Amino acid sequence: MVNLSATDDEWQTDDETGYENPYDYDPNAADENDPTVDGDDPSLDLDEDTDAITEDEDDELEDVEADEEDGELAEIEPMYPTYEAWVEGWFTQVIRRKMGPGGGESGLAWDARWWLYPEVAGRLKSLWFGWEEARASDKASAMSNWWIHQLDPHLRVIFDSDSGPMSHAKRDGSFSGWPALPYEPMPPSLRDEYPADS
């Protein structure tokens, strides 16, 4: 415990750093307590060590350049050549849900003619890109992240039997999607207010 009741005469006032004037401190001065400063350690040769580090860095850069030339860093070949092939060969075979008899009536909505629905096609194409990227990733958790952060949110919209893109799908093919959203061109005055490059 520190005795704070000491008088001025009892306080230790010696400079523990060993320097009489702390303002006269030279950070580049040799440390007399360091055994390697006097050159006693023959294993330390600063010039050779520096050259070795530089050579290692050069070797690493050459390896990266060689990999690029060999195509190792090039784009990885996808397992499925198109997103249509992925939907047919993977999505419709792996994703299995209880579907209702008709859209909006019960269960989930799905139309075998999924390509008639631009939103569904766009979402499935995005899922295919993400799936191929996760499959080729070196990270063990990449595919799990794809399921949780990409697939599940898209499925909630695609299969939504109340308001999803296929929510009124019928087995007889009498429904081919909701009409496109109404659109009117933006007035020129607003176009100037919201430029495309902002």
N, C-alpha and C. Protein backbone atom coordinates (compact mmCIF):
# COMPACT_ATOMS: atom_id res chain seq x y z
N MET A 1 0.85 -1.17 0.00
CA MET A 1 0.00 0.00 0.00
C MET A 1 0.89 1.23 0.00
N VAL A 2 0.53 2.23 -0.74
CA VAL A 2 1.32 3.47 -0.82
C VAL A 2 0.99 4.35 0.35
N ASN A 3 2.07 4.87 1.00
CA ASN A 3 1.88 5.77 2.13
C ASN A 3 1.82 7.19 1.60
N LEU A 4 0.62 7.73 1.57
CA LEU A 4 0.44 9.08 1.04
C LEU A 4 0.69 10.15 2.09
N SER A 5 0.95 9.74 3.30
CA SER A 5 1.17 10.72 4.36
C SER A 5 2.65 11.08 4.51
N ALA A 6 3.49 10.61 3.54
CA ALA A 6 4.93 10.90 3.64
C ALA A 6 5.18 12.39 3.47
N THR A 7 6.20 12.84 4.15
CA THR A 7 6.59 14.24 4.04
C THR A 7 7.42 14.42 2.79
N ASP A 8 7.67 15.66 2.42
CA ASP A 8 8.46 15.95 1.22
C ASP A 8 9.85 15.33 1.30
N ASP A 9 10.41 15.25 2.49
CA ASP A 9 11.76 14.70 2.64
C ASP A 9 11.79 13.19 2.40
N GLU A 10 10.63 12.50 2.59
CA GLU A 10 10.60 11.06 2.47
C GLU A 10 10.31 10.57 1.03
N TRP A 11 9.89 11.45 0.13
CA TRP A 11 9.56 11.05 -1.24
C TRP A 11 10.82 10.70 -2.01
N GLN A 12 10.77 9.62 -2.80
CA GLN A 12 11.88 9.22 -3.65
C GLN A 12 11.91 10.14 -4.86
N THR A 13 13.02 10.82 -5.08
CA THR A 13 13.08 11.77 -6.18
C THR A 13 14.15 11.41 -7.20
N ASP A 14 14.81 10.25 -7.04
CA ASP A 14 15.83 9.87 -7.99
C ASP A 14 15.20 9.56 -9.35
N ASP A 15 15.92 9.85 -10.40
CA ASP A 15 15.46 9.56 -11.75
C ASP A 15 15.78 8.10 -12.06
N GLU A 16 14.74 7.26 -12.14
CA GLU A 16 14.94 5.83 -12.34
C GLU A 16 15.42 5.50 -13.74
N THR A 17 15.30 6.41 -14.69
CA THR A 17 15.74 6.13 -16.05
C THR A 17 17.24 6.17 -16.18
N GLY A 18 17.93 6.76 -15.21
CA GLY A 18 19.37 6.85 -15.27
C GLY A 18 19.86 8.09 -15.99
N TYR A 19 18.94 8.88 -16.48
CA TYR A 19 19.34 10.11 -17.16
C TYR A 19 19.19 11.28 -16.18
N GLU A 20 20.24 12.08 -16.12
CA GLU A 20 20.18 13.23 -15.21
C GLU A 20 19.19 14.26 -15.74
N ASN A 21 19.17 14.44 -17.06
CA ASN A 21 18.27 15.43 -17.66
C ASN A 21 17.36 14.70 -18.64
N PRO A 22 16.09 14.50 -18.30
CA PRO A 22 15.20 13.77 -19.19
C PRO A 22 14.98 14.48 -20.52
N TYR A 23 15.23 15.79 -20.59
CA TYR A 23 15.04 16.52 -21.83
C TYR A 23 16.24 16.35 -22.77
N ASP A 24 17.32 15.72 -22.27
CA ASP A 24 18.51 15.49 -23.05
C ASP A 24 18.56 14.02 -23.49
N TYR A 25 17.40 13.39 -23.64
CA TYR A 25 17.30 11.96 -23.96
C TYR A 25 17.47 11.76 -25.47
N ASP A 26 18.32 10.82 -25.87
CA ASP A 26 18.55 10.51 -27.27
C ASP A 26 17.96 9.12 -27.55
N PRO A 27 16.86 9.04 -28.30
CA PRO A 27 16.22 7.74 -28.55
C PRO A 27 17.08 6.83 -29.43
N ASN A 28 18.06 7.39 -30.14
CA ASN A 28 18.90 6.58 -31.03
C ASN A 28 20.19 6.12 -30.36
N ALA A 29 20.37 6.52 -29.12
CA ALA A 29 21.61 6.15 -28.43
C ALA A 29 21.62 4.65 -28.15
N ALA A 30 22.81 4.07 -28.12
CA ALA A 30 22.96 2.65 -27.85
C ALA A 30 22.58 2.35 -26.41
N ASP A 31 21.87 1.25 -26.24
CA ASP A 31 21.46 0.82 -24.91
C ASP A 31 22.56 -0.06 -24.35
N GLU A 32 23.19 0.41 -23.27
CA GLU A 32 24.32 -0.34 -22.70
C GLU A 32 23.92 -1.65 -22.07
N ASN A 33 22.61 -1.84 -21.83
CA ASN A 33 22.13 -3.09 -21.25
C ASN A 33 21.76 -4.14 -22.30
N ASP A 34 21.79 -3.74 -23.59
CA ASP A 34 21.43 -4.67 -24.67
C ASP A 34 22.69 -5.40 -25.11
N PRO A 35 22.76 -6.74 -24.93
CA PRO A 35 23.99 -7.48 -25.23
C PRO A 35 24.31 -7.52 -26.72
N THR A 36 23.32 -7.24 -27.58
CA THR A 36 23.58 -7.34 -29.02
C THR A 36 24.11 -6.06 -29.62
N VAL A 37 24.13 -4.99 -28.86
CA VAL A 37 24.54 -3.71 -29.41
C VAL A 37 26.04 -3.68 -29.71
N ASP A 38 26.86 -4.28 -28.86
CA ASP A 38 28.31 -4.23 -29.03
C ASP A 38 28.79 -5.14 -30.15
N GLY A 39 27.86 -5.84 -30.82
CA GLY A 39 28.27 -6.75 -31.87
C GLY A 39 28.69 -8.09 -31.34
N ASP A 40 28.34 -8.41 -30.08
CA ASP A 40 28.72 -9.68 -29.49
C ASP A 40 27.97 -10.85 -30.13
N ASP A 41 26.78 -10.56 -30.73
CA ASP A 41 25.97 -11.63 -31.30
C ASP A 41 26.30 -11.73 -32.79
N PRO A 42 27.07 -12.73 -33.21
CA PRO A 42 27.47 -12.82 -34.62
C PRO A 42 26.32 -13.21 -35.55
N SER A 43 25.22 -13.71 -34.99
CA SER A 43 24.10 -14.12 -35.84
C SER A 43 23.34 -12.91 -36.38
N LEU A 44 23.60 -11.73 -35.83
CA LEU A 44 22.89 -10.54 -36.29
C LEU A 44 23.77 -9.76 -37.25
N ASP A 45 23.39 -9.76 -38.51
CA ASP A 45 24.04 -8.93 -39.50
C ASP A 45 22.94 -8.17 -40.21
N LEU A 46 22.80 -6.90 -39.88
CA LEU A 46 21.67 -6.12 -40.36
C LEU A 46 21.62 -6.07 -41.87
N ASP A 47 22.77 -5.95 -42.51
CA ASP A 47 22.77 -5.87 -43.97
C ASP A 47 22.25 -7.17 -44.59
N GLU A 48 22.73 -8.32 -44.09
CA GLU A 48 22.28 -9.60 -44.64
C GLU A 48 20.81 -9.84 -44.36
N ASP A 49 20.35 -9.49 -43.13
CA ASP A 49 18.94 -9.69 -42.78
C ASP A 49 18.06 -8.84 -43.67
N THR A 50 18.45 -7.59 -43.92
CA THR A 50 17.66 -6.70 -44.77
C THR A 50 17.59 -7.24 -46.19
N ASP A 51 18.74 -7.74 -46.70
CA ASP A 51 18.75 -8.31 -48.05
C ASP A 51 17.84 -9.52 -48.13
N ALA A 52 17.84 -10.36 -47.09
CA ALA A 52 17.00 -11.56 -47.08
C ALA A 52 15.53 -11.20 -47.11
N ILE A 53 15.13 -10.18 -46.34
CA ILE A 53 13.73 -9.75 -46.32
C ILE A 53 13.31 -9.26 -47.69
N THR A 54 14.18 -8.45 -48.32
CA THR A 54 13.88 -7.91 -49.64
C THR A 54 13.74 -9.03 -50.66
N GLU A 55 14.63 -10.04 -50.60
CA GLU A 55 14.55 -11.16 -51.52
C GLU A 55 13.27 -11.95 -51.32
N ASP A 56 12.85 -12.15 -50.05
CA ASP A 56 11.60 -12.87 -49.77
C ASP A 56 10.41 -12.15 -50.37
N GLU A 57 10.38 -10.82 -50.23
CA GLU A 57 9.26 -10.04 -50.79
C GLU A 57 9.25 -10.15 -52.30
N ASP A 58 10.45 -10.10 -52.93
CA ASP A 58 10.51 -10.23 -54.38
C ASP A 58 10.01 -11.60 -54.83
N ASP A 59 10.37 -12.66 -54.08
CA ASP A 59 9.92 -14.01 -54.42
C ASP A 59 8.41 -14.12 -54.35
N GLU A 60 7.80 -13.49 -53.30
CA GLU A 60 6.34 -13.54 -53.16
C GLU A 60 5.67 -12.84 -54.33
N LEU A 61 6.20 -11.69 -54.74
CA LEU A 61 5.60 -10.97 -55.87
C LEU A 61 5.72 -11.79 -57.15
N GLU A 62 6.86 -12.47 -57.36
CA GLU A 62 7.03 -13.30 -58.54
C GLU A 62 6.04 -14.46 -58.52
N ASP A 63 5.79 -15.05 -57.32
CA ASP A 63 4.83 -16.15 -57.22
C ASP A 63 3.43 -15.70 -57.62
N VAL A 64 3.03 -14.51 -57.14
CA VAL A 64 1.69 -13.98 -57.48
C VAL A 64 1.58 -13.74 -58.97
N GLU A 65 2.63 -13.14 -59.57
CA GLU A 65 2.60 -12.89 -61.00
C GLU A 65 2.53 -14.19 -61.78
N ALA A 66 3.27 -15.21 -61.33
CA ALA A 66 3.24 -16.51 -62.00
C ALA A 66 1.86 -17.14 -61.91
N ASP A 67 1.23 -17.03 -60.73
CA ASP A 67 -0.12 -17.58 -60.56
C ASP A 67 -1.10 -16.91 -61.51
N GLU A 68 -0.97 -15.58 -61.67
CA GLU A 68 -1.87 -14.86 -62.56
C GLU A 68 -1.67 -15.32 -63.99
N GLU A 69 -0.41 -15.54 -64.37
CA GLU A 69 -0.14 -16.00 -65.73
C GLU A 69 -0.66 -17.41 -65.95
N ASP A 70 -0.57 -18.26 -64.94
CA ASP A 70 -1.04 -19.63 -65.05
C ASP A 70 -2.55 -19.73 -64.99
N GLY A 71 -3.23 -18.64 -64.64
CA GLY A 71 -4.68 -18.63 -64.58
C GLY A 71 -5.24 -19.11 -63.27
N GLU A 72 -4.40 -19.30 -62.24
CA GLU A 72 -4.90 -19.78 -60.95
C GLU A 72 -5.80 -18.74 -60.28
N LEU A 73 -5.56 -17.46 -60.58
CA LEU A 73 -6.40 -16.42 -59.99
C LEU A 73 -7.51 -16.01 -60.95
N ALA A 74 -7.60 -16.70 -62.07
CA ALA A 74 -8.63 -16.37 -63.04
C ALA A 74 -9.99 -16.86 -62.53
N GLU A 75 -11.01 -16.55 -63.30
CA GLU A 75 -12.37 -16.91 -62.91
C GLU A 75 -12.51 -18.43 -62.85
N ILE A 76 -13.16 -18.92 -61.81
CA ILE A 76 -13.35 -20.37 -61.62
C ILE A 76 -14.52 -20.84 -62.48
N GLU A 77 -14.34 -21.97 -63.10
CA GLU A 77 -15.37 -22.54 -63.97
C GLU A 77 -16.60 -22.93 -63.13
N PRO A 78 -17.80 -22.44 -63.50
CA PRO A 78 -19.00 -22.79 -62.71
C PRO A 78 -19.38 -24.26 -62.89
N MET A 79 -20.04 -24.81 -61.90
CA MET A 79 -20.50 -26.20 -61.98
C MET A 79 -21.65 -26.30 -62.98
N TYR A 80 -22.53 -25.29 -62.97
CA TYR A 80 -23.64 -25.25 -63.91
C TYR A 80 -23.38 -24.12 -64.91
N PRO A 81 -23.44 -24.39 -66.22
CA PRO A 81 -23.08 -23.37 -67.21
C PRO A 81 -24.03 -22.18 -67.27
N THR A 82 -25.29 -22.38 -66.89
CA THR A 82 -26.28 -21.30 -66.91
C THR A 82 -27.14 -21.39 -65.66
N TYR A 83 -27.86 -20.31 -65.39
CA TYR A 83 -28.73 -20.37 -64.22
C TYR A 83 -29.93 -21.26 -64.48
N GLU A 84 -30.35 -21.39 -65.75
CA GLU A 84 -31.45 -22.31 -66.06
C GLU A 84 -31.05 -23.75 -65.73
N ALA A 85 -29.81 -24.10 -66.06
CA ALA A 85 -29.32 -25.44 -65.75
C ALA A 85 -29.25 -25.65 -64.24
N TRP A 86 -28.90 -24.59 -63.51
CA TRP A 86 -28.83 -24.69 -62.05
C TRP A 86 -30.23 -24.86 -61.46
N VAL A 87 -31.22 -24.12 -61.98
CA VAL A 87 -32.59 -24.24 -61.47
C VAL A 87 -33.10 -25.66 -61.71
N GLU A 88 -32.84 -26.21 -62.91
CA GLU A 88 -33.31 -27.55 -63.23
C GLU A 88 -32.54 -28.63 -62.48
N GLY A 89 -31.23 -28.48 -62.41
CA GLY A 89 -30.41 -29.55 -61.85
C GLY A 89 -30.19 -29.48 -60.36
N TRP A 90 -30.32 -28.29 -59.77
CA TRP A 90 -30.06 -28.18 -58.33
C TRP A 90 -31.27 -27.64 -57.58
N PHE A 91 -31.74 -26.45 -57.94
CA PHE A 91 -32.78 -25.78 -57.16
C PHE A 91 -34.05 -26.62 -57.03
N THR A 92 -34.58 -27.07 -58.16
CA THR A 92 -35.84 -27.82 -58.11
C THR A 92 -35.67 -29.22 -57.53
N GLN A 93 -34.44 -29.72 -57.47
CA GLN A 93 -34.20 -31.04 -56.92
C GLN A 93 -33.91 -31.01 -55.42
N VAL A 94 -33.32 -29.92 -54.95
CA VAL A 94 -32.91 -29.83 -53.54
C VAL A 94 -33.94 -29.11 -52.68
N ILE A 95 -34.51 -28.03 -53.20
CA ILE A 95 -35.48 -27.24 -52.42
C ILE A 95 -36.84 -27.93 -52.51
N ARG A 96 -37.30 -28.42 -51.39
CA ARG A 96 -38.57 -29.14 -51.35
C ARG A 96 -39.43 -28.56 -50.24
N ARG A 97 -40.61 -28.11 -50.60
CA ARG A 97 -41.53 -27.50 -49.65
C ARG A 97 -42.93 -28.04 -49.88
N LYS A 98 -43.78 -27.89 -48.88
CA LYS A 98 -45.18 -28.27 -49.01
C LYS A 98 -45.89 -27.16 -49.77
N MET A 99 -46.30 -27.48 -50.98
CA MET A 99 -46.97 -26.49 -51.83
C MET A 99 -48.48 -26.69 -51.75
N GLY A 100 -49.20 -25.58 -51.79
CA GLY A 100 -50.66 -25.64 -51.77
C GLY A 100 -51.21 -25.99 -53.14
N PRO A 101 -52.52 -26.25 -53.21
CA PRO A 101 -53.14 -26.63 -54.49
C PRO A 101 -53.14 -25.48 -55.50
N GLY A 102 -53.11 -24.27 -55.01
CA GLY A 102 -53.11 -23.10 -55.90
C GLY A 102 -52.61 -21.90 -55.15
N GLY A 103 -52.06 -20.97 -55.88
CA GLY A 103 -51.51 -19.79 -55.24
C GLY A 103 -52.54 -19.04 -54.42
N GLY A 104 -52.16 -18.60 -53.24
CA GLY A 104 -53.03 -17.81 -52.40
C GLY A 104 -54.03 -18.63 -51.61
N GLU A 105 -54.19 -19.91 -51.93
CA GLU A 105 -55.19 -20.72 -51.24
C GLU A 105 -54.64 -21.32 -49.96
N SER A 106 -53.49 -21.93 -50.02
CA SER A 106 -52.84 -22.45 -48.82
C SER A 106 -51.43 -22.89 -49.19
N GLY A 107 -50.62 -23.03 -48.20
CA GLY A 107 -49.25 -23.46 -48.46
C GLY A 107 -48.44 -22.40 -49.17
N LEU A 108 -47.47 -22.84 -49.99
CA LEU A 108 -46.59 -21.94 -50.71
C LEU A 108 -46.91 -21.97 -52.19
N ALA A 109 -46.51 -20.94 -52.89
CA ALA A 109 -46.80 -20.85 -54.32
C ALA A 109 -45.56 -21.15 -55.14
N TRP A 110 -45.72 -21.98 -56.17
CA TRP A 110 -44.65 -22.25 -57.12
C TRP A 110 -45.27 -22.63 -58.46
N ASP A 111 -44.73 -22.09 -59.52
CA ASP A 111 -45.18 -22.41 -60.86
C ASP A 111 -44.02 -23.06 -61.59
N ALA A 112 -44.26 -24.24 -62.18
CA ALA A 112 -43.21 -24.94 -62.91
C ALA A 112 -42.69 -24.09 -64.07
N ARG A 113 -43.50 -23.17 -64.53
CA ARG A 113 -43.08 -22.25 -65.60
C ARG A 113 -42.48 -20.99 -64.97
N TRP A 114 -41.53 -21.18 -64.07
CA TRP A 114 -40.92 -20.09 -63.30
C TRP A 114 -40.34 -19.00 -64.19
N TRP A 115 -39.90 -19.35 -65.39
CA TRP A 115 -39.26 -18.41 -66.30
C TRP A 115 -40.23 -17.36 -66.84
N LEU A 116 -41.54 -17.56 -66.63
CA LEU A 116 -42.53 -16.55 -67.05
C LEU A 116 -42.56 -15.34 -66.11
N TYR A 117 -41.96 -15.48 -64.94
CA TYR A 117 -42.03 -14.44 -63.92
C TYR A 117 -40.66 -13.73 -63.84
N PRO A 118 -40.56 -12.53 -64.38
CA PRO A 118 -39.26 -11.83 -64.42
C PRO A 118 -38.60 -11.70 -63.05
N GLU A 119 -39.38 -11.43 -62.00
CA GLU A 119 -38.78 -11.30 -60.67
C GLU A 119 -38.20 -12.62 -60.19
N VAL A 120 -38.94 -13.71 -60.41
CA VAL A 120 -38.46 -15.02 -59.99
C VAL A 120 -37.20 -15.38 -60.76
N ALA A 121 -37.22 -15.16 -62.08
CA ALA A 121 -36.04 -15.47 -62.89
C ALA A 121 -34.83 -14.65 -62.42
N GLY A 122 -35.05 -13.37 -62.14
CA GLY A 122 -33.95 -12.53 -61.66
C GLY A 122 -33.41 -12.98 -60.32
N ARG A 123 -34.30 -13.34 -59.42
CA ARG A 123 -33.86 -13.81 -58.10
C ARG A 123 -33.12 -15.14 -58.21
N LEU A 124 -33.61 -16.03 -59.04
CA LEU A 124 -32.94 -17.33 -59.20
C LEU A 124 -31.56 -17.16 -59.84
N LYS A 125 -31.45 -16.23 -60.77
CA LYS A 125 -30.15 -15.98 -61.39
C LYS A 125 -29.17 -15.44 -60.35
N SER A 126 -29.64 -14.53 -59.49
CA SER A 126 -28.79 -14.01 -58.42
C SER A 126 -28.37 -15.13 -57.46
N LEU A 127 -29.30 -16.01 -57.15
CA LEU A 127 -28.99 -17.13 -56.27
C LEU A 127 -27.95 -18.06 -56.89
N TRP A 128 -28.05 -18.27 -58.20
CA TRP A 128 -27.07 -19.11 -58.89
C TRP A 128 -25.67 -18.51 -58.80
N PHE A 129 -25.57 -17.19 -59.05
CA PHE A 129 -24.26 -16.53 -58.94
C PHE A 129 -23.68 -16.73 -57.54
N GLY A 130 -24.52 -16.49 -56.53
CA GLY A 130 -24.06 -16.63 -55.14
C GLY A 130 -23.69 -18.06 -54.81
N TRP A 131 -24.47 -19.02 -55.31
CA TRP A 131 -24.21 -20.43 -55.05
C TRP A 131 -22.87 -20.85 -55.64
N GLU A 132 -22.62 -20.46 -56.89
CA GLU A 132 -21.35 -20.80 -57.55
C GLU A 132 -20.17 -20.16 -56.81
N GLU A 133 -20.36 -18.94 -56.37
CA GLU A 133 -19.29 -18.26 -55.63
C GLU A 133 -19.02 -18.97 -54.30
N ALA A 134 -20.07 -19.34 -53.59
CA ALA A 134 -19.90 -20.04 -52.31
C ALA A 134 -19.28 -21.41 -52.52
N ARG A 135 -19.68 -22.12 -53.57
CA ARG A 135 -19.14 -23.44 -53.85
C ARG A 135 -17.64 -23.38 -54.11
N ALA A 136 -17.19 -22.32 -54.79
CA ALA A 136 -15.77 -22.20 -55.14
C ALA A 136 -14.94 -21.56 -54.04
N SER A 137 -15.59 -21.09 -52.98
CA SER A 137 -14.87 -20.38 -51.92
C SER A 137 -14.01 -21.33 -51.10
N ASP A 138 -12.90 -20.78 -50.59
CA ASP A 138 -12.03 -21.54 -49.70
C ASP A 138 -12.57 -21.57 -48.27
N LYS A 139 -13.53 -20.73 -47.96
CA LYS A 139 -14.07 -20.64 -46.60
C LYS A 139 -15.07 -21.76 -46.35
N ALA A 140 -14.89 -22.46 -45.26
CA ALA A 140 -15.77 -23.58 -44.93
C ALA A 140 -17.20 -23.12 -44.67
N SER A 141 -17.37 -21.88 -44.23
CA SER A 141 -18.71 -21.38 -43.89
C SER A 141 -19.41 -20.68 -45.06
N ALA A 142 -18.79 -20.64 -46.23
CA ALA A 142 -19.36 -19.88 -47.35
C ALA A 142 -20.73 -20.40 -47.77
N MET A 143 -20.87 -21.71 -47.86
CA MET A 143 -22.15 -22.26 -48.30
C MET A 143 -23.23 -22.06 -47.24
N SER A 144 -22.86 -22.18 -45.98
CA SER A 144 -23.83 -21.92 -44.91
C SER A 144 -24.31 -20.48 -44.97
N ASN A 145 -23.37 -19.56 -45.19
CA ASN A 145 -23.76 -18.15 -45.32
C ASN A 145 -24.68 -17.95 -46.51
N TRP A 146 -24.44 -18.66 -47.60
CA TRP A 146 -25.31 -18.53 -48.77
C TRP A 146 -26.73 -18.99 -48.43
N TRP A 147 -26.86 -20.11 -47.74
CA TRP A 147 -28.20 -20.61 -47.37
C TRP A 147 -28.93 -19.60 -46.49
N ILE A 148 -28.24 -19.08 -45.49
CA ILE A 148 -28.90 -18.24 -44.49
C ILE A 148 -29.12 -16.81 -44.98
N HIS A 149 -28.11 -16.25 -45.63
CA HIS A 149 -28.18 -14.82 -45.97
C HIS A 149 -28.66 -14.54 -47.39
N GLN A 150 -28.65 -15.55 -48.27
CA GLN A 150 -29.12 -15.32 -49.63
C GLN A 150 -30.37 -16.15 -49.95
N LEU A 151 -30.25 -17.45 -49.82
CA LEU A 151 -31.36 -18.31 -50.24
C LEU A 151 -32.63 -18.05 -49.43
N ASP A 152 -32.54 -18.12 -48.11
CA ASP A 152 -33.75 -18.00 -47.28
C ASP A 152 -34.55 -16.72 -47.54
N PRO A 153 -33.91 -15.54 -47.60
CA PRO A 153 -34.71 -14.34 -47.88
C PRO A 153 -35.37 -14.38 -49.26
N HIS A 154 -34.69 -14.92 -50.27
CA HIS A 154 -35.28 -15.00 -51.60
C HIS A 154 -36.46 -15.98 -51.62
N LEU A 155 -36.31 -17.12 -50.92
CA LEU A 155 -37.40 -18.09 -50.90
C LEU A 155 -38.66 -17.52 -50.27
N ARG A 156 -38.49 -16.68 -49.25
CA ARG A 156 -39.67 -16.09 -48.60
C ARG A 156 -40.48 -15.27 -49.60
N VAL A 157 -39.80 -14.61 -50.52
CA VAL A 157 -40.50 -13.80 -51.53
C VAL A 157 -41.02 -14.68 -52.66
N ILE A 158 -40.16 -15.54 -53.19
CA ILE A 158 -40.55 -16.37 -54.33
C ILE A 158 -41.75 -17.25 -54.00
N PHE A 159 -41.76 -17.88 -52.82
CA PHE A 159 -42.82 -18.81 -52.45
C PHE A 159 -44.00 -18.15 -51.74
N ASP A 160 -43.98 -16.85 -51.55
CA ASP A 160 -45.04 -16.16 -50.81
C ASP A 160 -46.38 -16.32 -51.53
N SER A 161 -47.29 -17.06 -50.91
CA SER A 161 -48.58 -17.34 -51.57
C SER A 161 -49.60 -16.22 -51.39
N ASP A 162 -49.27 -15.20 -50.62
CA ASP A 162 -50.20 -14.08 -50.45
C ASP A 162 -49.90 -12.93 -51.42
N SER A 163 -48.63 -12.56 -51.51
CA SER A 163 -48.31 -11.40 -52.36
C SER A 163 -47.05 -11.60 -53.21
N GLY A 164 -46.52 -12.82 -53.26
CA GLY A 164 -45.32 -13.08 -54.05
C GLY A 164 -45.59 -13.06 -55.53
N PRO A 165 -44.54 -13.13 -56.34
CA PRO A 165 -44.71 -13.06 -57.80
C PRO A 165 -45.54 -14.20 -58.38
N MET A 166 -45.54 -15.37 -57.73
CA MET A 166 -46.32 -16.51 -58.22
C MET A 166 -47.53 -16.79 -57.32
N SER A 167 -47.99 -15.79 -56.59
CA SER A 167 -49.03 -16.00 -55.57
C SER A 167 -50.38 -16.41 -56.14
N HIS A 168 -50.59 -16.26 -57.42
CA HIS A 168 -51.88 -16.65 -58.01
C HIS A 168 -51.69 -17.78 -59.03
N ALA A 169 -50.56 -18.46 -58.93
CA ALA A 169 -50.25 -19.52 -59.90
C ALA A 169 -51.29 -20.64 -59.83
N LYS A 170 -51.68 -21.15 -60.98
CA LYS A 170 -52.65 -22.26 -61.08
C LYS A 170 -52.00 -23.40 -61.83
N ARG A 171 -52.41 -24.62 -61.48
CA ARG A 171 -51.84 -25.79 -62.13
C ARG A 171 -52.16 -25.83 -63.62
N ASP A 172 -53.29 -25.25 -64.02
CA ASP A 172 -53.68 -25.32 -65.43
C ASP A 172 -52.95 -24.29 -66.29
N GLY A 173 -52.08 -23.49 -65.69
CA GLY A 173 -51.29 -22.52 -66.45
C GLY A 173 -52.07 -21.29 -66.87
N SER A 174 -53.21 -21.04 -66.25
CA SER A 174 -54.03 -19.89 -66.64
C SER A 174 -53.48 -18.57 -66.09
N PHE A 175 -52.49 -18.62 -65.24
CA PHE A 175 -51.90 -17.40 -64.69
C PHE A 175 -50.41 -17.38 -65.04
N SER A 176 -49.96 -16.26 -65.54
CA SER A 176 -48.55 -16.17 -65.92
C SER A 176 -47.89 -14.95 -65.29
N GLY A 177 -48.36 -14.60 -64.14
CA GLY A 177 -47.71 -13.51 -63.41
C GLY A 177 -48.53 -12.23 -63.38
N TRP A 178 -48.27 -11.44 -62.38
CA TRP A 178 -48.94 -10.16 -62.24
C TRP A 178 -48.40 -9.18 -63.28
N PRO A 179 -49.20 -8.19 -63.66
CA PRO A 179 -48.71 -7.23 -64.65
C PRO A 179 -47.56 -6.40 -64.09
N ALA A 180 -46.81 -5.82 -65.01
CA ALA A 180 -45.69 -4.97 -64.60
C ALA A 180 -46.22 -3.76 -63.84
N LEU A 181 -45.38 -3.19 -63.00
CA LEU A 181 -45.77 -2.01 -62.25
C LEU A 181 -46.05 -0.85 -63.19
N PRO A 182 -47.07 -0.05 -62.91
CA PRO A 182 -47.32 1.12 -63.76
C PRO A 182 -46.11 2.06 -63.72
N TYR A 183 -45.84 2.68 -64.84
CA TYR A 183 -44.66 3.53 -64.92
C TYR A 183 -44.95 4.76 -65.76
N GLU A 184 -44.52 5.88 -65.27
CA GLU A 184 -44.56 7.13 -66.04
C GLU A 184 -43.17 7.73 -66.02
N PRO A 185 -42.72 8.28 -67.15
CA PRO A 185 -41.39 8.87 -67.19
C PRO A 185 -41.26 10.01 -66.19
N MET A 186 -40.07 10.16 -65.63
CA MET A 186 -39.82 11.25 -64.69
C MET A 186 -39.80 12.59 -65.43
N PRO A 187 -40.47 13.59 -64.89
CA PRO A 187 -40.44 14.91 -65.53
C PRO A 187 -39.01 15.45 -65.61
N PRO A 188 -38.69 16.16 -66.71
CA PRO A 188 -37.33 16.68 -66.87
C PRO A 188 -36.86 17.55 -65.71
N SER A 189 -37.77 18.29 -65.09
CA SER A 189 -37.37 19.15 -63.97
C SER A 189 -36.84 18.31 -62.80
N LEU A 190 -37.44 17.15 -62.55
CA LEU A 190 -36.97 16.27 -61.49
C LEU A 190 -35.69 15.55 -61.89
N ARG A 191 -35.55 15.26 -63.19
CA ARG A 191 -34.33 14.62 -63.67
C ARG A 191 -33.11 15.48 -63.36
N ASP A 192 -33.26 16.79 -63.51
CA ASP A 192 -32.16 17.70 -63.19
C ASP A 192 -31.89 17.75 -61.70
N GLU A 193 -32.95 17.59 -60.91
CA GLU A 193 -32.80 17.63 -59.46
C GLU A 193 -32.13 16.36 -58.92
N TYR A 194 -32.39 15.22 -59.59
CA TYR A 194 -31.79 13.95 -59.19
C TYR A 194 -30.97 13.38 -60.34
N PRO A 195 -29.77 13.92 -60.56
CA PRO A 195 -28.95 13.42 -61.69
C PRO A 195 -28.57 11.96 -61.50
N ALA A 196 -28.36 11.27 -62.62
CA ALA A 196 -28.08 9.83 -62.59
C ALA A 196 -26.74 9.52 -61.94
N ASP A 197 -25.80 10.45 -61.99
CA ASP A 197 -24.47 10.15 -61.45
C ASP A 197 -24.34 10.44 -59.97
N SER A 198 -25.41 10.83 -59.30
CA SER A 198 -25.33 11.13 -57.86
C SER A 198 -25.66 9.93 -57.03
